Amino acid sequence: MEKSFTSVVTSKGQITVPQEIRERLGLKQGDRVEFVTQKNRTVVRRAATPENPFKKYEGILGGFPGGKKEINAWVRSMRDDYGDEEK
């Protein structure tokens, strides 16, 4: 069964995507959509997000001992050491 949804275009060319359509497309705040023209119709769909080329390496080295807190402490110490070299 075909359903129809409407929205109003603002003076800035913006529209509100109806909730049922957002849910159907899995859209969340900040997601991008694309408009694809196909002969005599236009399709609105969720835009493909480019895959992070480094994603496949995530976790390959394991965790950093001490977690985020220790990483930040290590970075601070490196910055302090660098500042000492300039004196």
C-alpha atoms as a PDB file:
ATOM      1  CA  MET A   1       0.000   0.000   0.000  1.00  0.00           C
ATOM      2  CA  GLU A   2       1.377   3.384  -0.965  1.00  0.00           C
ATOM      3  CA  LYS A   3       1.578   6.106   1.684  1.00  0.00           C
ATOM      4  CA  SER A   4       2.112   9.793   1.086  1.00  0.00           C
ATOM      5  CA  PHE A   5       3.886  12.288   3.328  1.00  0.00           C
ATOM      6  CA  THR A   6       4.200  16.035   2.921  1.00  0.00           C
ATOM      7  CA  SER A   7       6.499  18.712   4.241  1.00  0.00           C
ATOM      8  CA  VAL A   8       6.837  22.463   3.713  1.00  0.00           C
ATOM      9  CA  VAL A   9       9.904  24.023   2.116  1.00  0.00           C
ATOM     10  CA  THR A  10      11.223  26.992   4.125  1.00  0.00           C
ATOM     11  CA  SER A  11      12.586  30.203   2.616  1.00  0.00           C
ATOM     12  CA  LYS A  12      16.071  28.657   3.002  1.00  0.00           C
ATOM     13  CA  GLY A  13      15.062  25.554   1.025  1.00  0.00           C
ATOM     14  CA  GLN A  14      14.915  23.350   4.124  1.00  0.00           C
ATOM     15  CA  ILE A  15      12.341  20.668   4.839  1.00  0.00           C
ATOM     16  CA  THR A  16      11.457  18.534   7.842  1.00  0.00           C
ATOM     17  CA  VAL A  17      11.608  14.823   7.072  1.00  0.00           C
ATOM     18  CA  PRO A  18       8.523  13.180   8.587  1.00  0.00           C
ATOM     19  CA  GLN A  19       9.255  10.919  11.558  1.00  0.00           C
ATOM     20  CA  GLU A  20       8.062   7.724   9.839  1.00  0.00           C
ATOM     21  CA  ILE A  21      10.412   8.401   6.918  1.00  0.00           C
ATOM     22  CA  ARG A  22      13.351   9.149   9.267  1.00  0.00           C
ATOM     23  CA  GLU A  23      12.696   5.860  11.055  1.00  0.00           C
ATOM     24  CA  ARG A  24      12.331   3.955   7.790  1.00  0.00           C
ATOM     25  CA  LEU A  25      15.668   5.328   6.532  1.00  0.00           C
ATOM     26  CA  GLY A  26      17.354   5.054   9.930  1.00  0.00           C
ATOM     27  CA  LEU A  27      18.173   8.766   9.912  1.00  0.00           C
ATOM     28  CA  LYS A  28      19.555  10.511  12.973  1.00  0.00           C
ATOM     29  CA  GLN A  29      20.545  14.120  13.593  1.00  0.00           C
ATOM     30  CA  GLY A  30      23.587  14.982  11.495  1.00  0.00           C
ATOM     31  CA  ASP A  31      23.045  12.217   8.910  1.00  0.00           C
ATOM     32  CA  ARG A  32      23.202  13.178   5.264  1.00  0.00           C
ATOM     33  CA  VAL A  33      20.590  12.426   2.629  1.00  0.00           C
ATOM     34  CA  GLU A  34      20.940  12.448  -1.129  1.00  0.00           C
ATOM     35  CA  PHE A  35      18.467  13.268  -3.861  1.00  0.00           C
ATOM     36  CA  VAL A  36      18.764  11.016  -6.907  1.00  0.00           C
ATOM     37  CA  THR A  37      16.953  11.848 -10.146  1.00  0.00           C
ATOM     38  CA  GLN A  38      15.657   8.886 -12.137  1.00  0.00           C
ATOM     39  CA  LYS A  39      13.883   9.850 -15.365  1.00  0.00           C
ATOM     40  CA  ASN A  40      10.644  11.469 -14.186  1.00  0.00           C
ATOM     41  CA  ARG A  41      11.040  10.979 -10.421  1.00  0.00           C
ATOM     42  CA  THR A  42      13.382  11.944  -7.615  1.00  0.00           C
ATOM     43  CA  VAL A  43      14.377   9.527  -4.865  1.00  0.00           C
ATOM     44  CA  VAL A  44      15.452  10.675  -1.408  1.00  0.00           C
ATOM     45  CA  ARG A  45      17.725   8.230   0.389  1.00  0.00           C
ATOM     46  CA  ARG A  46      20.268   8.061   3.148  1.00  0.00           C
ATOM     47  CA  ALA A  47      23.655   9.087   1.790  1.00  0.00           C
ATOM     48  CA  ALA A  48      26.358   6.448   1.977  1.00  0.00           C
ATOM     49  CA  THR A  49      28.992   7.395   4.498  1.00  0.00           C
ATOM     50  CA  PRO A  50      32.551   6.927   3.298  1.00  0.00           C
ATOM     51  CA  GLU A  51      34.234   4.143   5.197  1.00  0.00           C
ATOM     52  CA  ASN A  52      37.140   5.133   7.396  1.00  0.00           C
ATOM     53  CA  PRO A  53      40.212   3.546   5.742  1.00  0.00           C
ATOM     54  CA  PHE A  54      41.785   2.992   9.180  1.00  0.00           C
ATOM     55  CA  LYS A  55      38.753   1.161  10.644  1.00  0.00           C
ATOM     56  CA  LYS A  56      40.227  -2.249   9.742  1.00  0.00           C
ATOM     57  CA  TYR A  57      43.244  -1.504  11.953  1.00  0.00           C
ATOM     58  CA  GLU A  58      41.168  -0.563  14.989  1.00  0.00           C
ATOM     59  CA  GLY A  59      42.230  -2.607  18.016  1.00  0.00           C
ATOM     60  CA  ILE A  60      45.050  -4.395  16.185  1.00  0.00           C
ATOM     61  CA  LEU A  61      47.608  -3.367  18.815  1.00  0.00           C
ATOM     62  CA  GLY A  62      45.361  -4.055  21.766  1.00  0.00           C
ATOM     63  CA  GLY A  63      44.563  -1.570  24.484  1.00  0.00           C
ATOM     64  CA  PHE A  64      46.890   0.995  26.006  1.00  0.00           C
ATOM     65  CA  PRO A  65      47.761   0.011  29.592  1.00  0.00           C
ATOM     66  CA  GLY A  66      45.839   2.306  31.929  1.00  0.00           C
ATOM     67  CA  GLY A  67      43.356   3.374  29.270  1.00  0.00           C
ATOM     68  CA  LYS A  68      42.503   6.918  28.231  1.00  0.00           C
ATOM     69  CA  LYS A  69      43.697   8.448  31.512  1.00  0.00           C
ATOM     70  CA  GLU A  70      47.208   7.019  31.041  1.00  0.00           C
ATOM     71  CA  ILE A  71      47.294   8.004  27.361  1.00  0.00           C
ATOM     72  CA  ASN A  72      46.536  11.615  28.289  1.00  0.00           C
ATOM     73  CA  ALA A  73      49.202  11.549  31.021  1.00  0.00           C
ATOM     74  CA  TRP A  74      51.736  10.131  28.537  1.00  0.00           C
ATOM     75  CA  VAL A  75      50.923  12.835  25.958  1.00  0.00           C
ATOM     76  CA  ARG A  76      51.262  15.554  28.642  1.00  0.00           C
ATOM     77  CA  SER A  77      54.646  14.167  29.685  1.00  0.00           C
ATOM     78  CA  MET A  78      55.817  14.111  26.062  1.00  0.00           C
ATOM     79  CA  ARG A  79      54.764  17.735  25.651  1.00  0.00           C
ATOM     80  CA  ASP A  80      56.578  18.680  28.850  1.00  0.00           C
ATOM     81  CA  ASP A  81      59.748  16.911  27.635  1.00  0.00           C
ATOM     82  CA  TYR A  82      59.531  18.726  24.296  1.00  0.00           C
ATOM     83  CA  GLY A  83      59.207  22.077  26.055  1.00  0.00           C
ATOM     84  CA  ASP A  84      62.383  21.331  28.070  1.00  0.00           C
ATOM     85  CA  GLU A  85      64.406  20.780  24.860  1.00  0.00           C
ATOM     86  CA  GLU A  86      63.629  24.296  23.612  1.00  0.00           C
ATOM     87  CA  LYS A  87      65.170  25.984  26.682  1.00  0.00           C
END
